[in-house]
Amino acid sequence: MEDYNWDIEEHLTYRRIWGCGERLPNLLRPHSRIWPNDPLRIKDYCDQLLEGTDKQSRFLTLSCCAASALLSADPYREKAFQWLRTKTLPGDIGLPFKSWRGISSWRWIRVHIPLLSPHTGKGVIIDVMLGMGDGEVSPPWTTWVEEVLDETAREAIARVAERVSQEQTDLKLFFWPIMGLHERTFITGKSLALSVYLGWKSLAAGLTAPPLAATGAISREDSLDVVEGITEKAIAASRHGLRGFLYPKGCSIDAHENLSIELIPVEDLSEAEALWRFYSPGTVASVIHATNRSAPLHSRLIYLTDIPIGLLKWLQKNKLCLEDMMREGLTDEGTAENFVTRLEQILVDLRCPLESIEFLLSSISPEMIEDVGSRRPDIAFRACEAGVVCFNHLGNSREAEKWSGRATSLIPLIAPMQGAEAKIFLLQNLGIVQAHNRFLFDPLVEQRLSNELVECLKHMEKELLYRRMTTPNAVSHDLGAFYGTISQNYGFCGPAYIYSFEGTIEKAMNAFGGGSVSGTAHNDWQRQHSYRVYAYLDAGRYDEAERALAEYLNCGAIHQYQPDNNSFRHAALMRFLAQTRHSSHEYFKWASRRLASVPGRHPWQLWLYNLGCLKEADENLMRAAWTRSASICLNQGGETLKVMALLPLSALYSNGLAGADYLEPRVEGILKTIETGVLNSRHFNLLLSARNWEDSLHITAEKAPTLFPFSYR
C-alpha cells in the first residue's frame, strides 16, 4: 500500500526542501518499516523529526513513532522506546498508561477503518491501534476520544470490548485512533464495530491484520446490520491500496470506475471472522463458487483446492460436507479426472502450501479409491500418486505409505493400459523419495533396482536418443526426475559417494535438456543445481558449491541475487552463507526483517536454522530464528520434519539461549518419534543410545552433517 512505503529518512528529505508541513499526512500512517536500517540511528533521526515542529506536528510525530514502535520488532522497538522515554510521557498524547514500559508490554495491532466523513460525505480510511494486555487502564481509549467519537460509536466499541472480553477474561482492551490535534474525522454510528471486533480477535489469536477494510454494525445475535455509505467506503479502501472490503450482505454497492478492490459480502459474524482471518487474494471467489450448490460439482471441487486450510476447516464445520462432495464427485469420471489433474498441477508448483491438499485428500476414503479404480483404475492410480507426492513433501511417512500401498494394489489393473509404464516408473521413483523421508539412504540403490526397472530405463534412454535425432531439444521428464532422485540418494549417503552423485546428476540434467530448453524442463534442469550446492557443501568443495549456487539463483554471482519467492533458492543460499561464513550484508538485512513473516512450512525451517548460524547474527536473532525453526518442525509436518527440530534445539542449547523447561520435553518427544520405527532407527542409533536429552543435543551438534546430511540441514 502506497501510504505505508514512507520512511523517516525520506520524510526528513522532503521536510528540508519544503518545510515542516510537507508530507505531514505520512504521520497518520504508522508502520514497522519507517526506521533507518541501523537501529542505532533512530535517536538521531527522531530528534530531527521534532526540530522546529509546532504543537500539531509534535503531537503527530510522537503518536506515529509510538505506534510504529509497537508494530516493530527488536531492536527497532527497543531503540524507539528509549528515545520516546526521553521526550514525552504517554499521557501527553492521550494514552492513559503510567509508562512506556506498560504500553510496550501489551500486544498491539493496526486496523484500517473505513468511515463516511460527516463533513464531505466521502469515504475515508483512518488507522486505529488496538491493544490487549494486563493491568487496568482507564479510560479504555485515548483521553480525547470523546472529541472524535459520538456516543453511539463509543457504545459500539464498548459492546465489542465486552464481547471479546468474555473470551479473554484476564486481559484488558484499548482503542487508539491515529489522529492529529486538528482537522480530525468525527466518527459517528455503529459501523466501526466490525473492524474493531475483527482486529481484537486477530490480536487474541496472535495474528496480524490482513490488507482488508471492514464495515458493519453487530447485533446481539451475531448478525450484521446494514450500514450507510458502503460505496463511498469501498472506494476509499480501494484508493488506500487495500485488497478487500468486507461488508454485510444486505448492503448494495454501486458500480464505480474507481472501485478496484475485492468485494466480500458476509452473512454473519462467523463468516466475517473466517474470511478476515484466512484471507488471501482470490479466496472469496473460490469460497463463493465452492459453496454454490447450483454450480457444477466438478468446478466446485476445483475451487476447493484454492482455499486456505483454515478456511477449508471452517467451511467443513459450517457449510460443507467434504466427504459427501468427494464421494459424489468421484463417481463421475470427468469430474474425478479434472480434480486429480488439478491436484497434480498444484503438486508440481512447490511454492503452493500443501496443507489444503492434505485436508482434501483426507476426505477421500480407501473405499472411494476402490470404487473409482473399478471403473477408471488410471484415475485412481494418479490420485494415489498425488497422495504419495503430497505427503512426501510434508514429511509424513505414515500417510505416504498408505497412499503408496493403494497405488500398488492398482498396478494389476493399470498394467495393460497405454502409458502404464510411465505411471509405474513414477511410483518406483516416489518409493525412493519415501525412503529418504524415513532417513533410509542406500549407496547401492542402483544395484538393487529390479530387472524390469533397469530394462525400462534402458528403453527410455534409447527412446530419448531416437527422438533427439529429429528433435535435438527433446527431453524426458521421467528420466530426469528418476536420475535426480538417485543423485539425491547419493548426496544423502555423504561425500564418499560424490562421484556417483556427479554421474547421476549429469544424467538428470541431460534428460532435462541441459539448460537449452525453456519452460518446465529448464526449471527442472535448474533445480538440479540446488542438489549440486548441497553435495559440494557436504564435500567441502566450496568454490564448486558457489558456482552451482549462482547457476541455481540464475545470477552471475551470489551477491547479485535479488530475493524472489522461490523458497528453495532462499534455503540453498542461506545454507551456503551459514556453512562457508560468507558475508552478504544486504541479504542478511532482508532476511532478518522477515524472520517472523516467512511461511511456516518446509524448507523455511532450515532457512531459519541457518539464519541463526550466520556470523552476523546476534543473540536476539539467534534465539528468535532457532525458536521459530523448531516450532515449524514440531507443528507443521510429519515425522521427517519433526526430527529436524533437533538442529535448532541443539543450537539453542549450545549457545545457552534456552532452558531445560523448554528443551527437555521437545527433545524427549522427538526421541519417542524415532523409537516408533517410522523413521530409520539405525540412522539415529547414536541419539537413541544417548544417556539423556542433553547428551542427545551434544551429539546432534557434533554429528549434524551425519545425522542431517545433504539438503536436510
Foldseek 3Di string as FASTA:
>chain_A
DVLPPEALVVVLVVCVVPNLVPPLCSLQPAAQPNADLDLVCRLVSLVSQPPPDDPQSNLSSLLRLLVNLLRYDPPNVVSSQVNSQVPDAPVVNQFQDRHSVVVSQWHKAKFWEWAQFPVPRFIATWIKIKTKAADDGPPQEGPCVCVAEPPQCVVLLVVLQVVVCVVVVRMHMHIYINDTPPPHRRHYHNFRNLRNNLRVVCRVVVHYWALEYETFHADPVQWTDADPDPQRRQLNSLVVVRAEYEYAPVDDYDDDPSRPHHYAHDGGSLRSNLCRVQPDPPQRVLVVLLQPPVDDLLSNLLSLLVHDPSSNVVCCVPGDVLLVSLLVQLVDPVSLQSNLVSLVVQLLPVLDDLNSVVVSLVSQDLVSLVNSLVPPVVSSLSSLLSQLSSQLQQLALVRNVVSLVSNVVSLVVCVVPPPSLLSVLVSVLSVLSSQVSLVNFDPCVVVPDDPVNVVVLVVVVVVQVVVCVVVVQAADQSLLSNLLSNLLSLQLVALVSVVVNVVSLVRNLVRLRVCPDDDPSNLSNLVSLLLVLQSCLRNVVLVSNQVSLCSNLVHPGPLPRDDDSDVSNLLSVLVSCLSVLDDNPVVLSVCLSCLPPDDLGPPVLSSLLSNLSHPPDDLVSLLSSLVSSQVSLCPRGHLSSLLLNLSSLLVCVVVVNDDCVPRQVSLVVNLVSLVVVSHPVVLVVCLVPAPGSNSNSVCCVVCVCSSQNGSRD
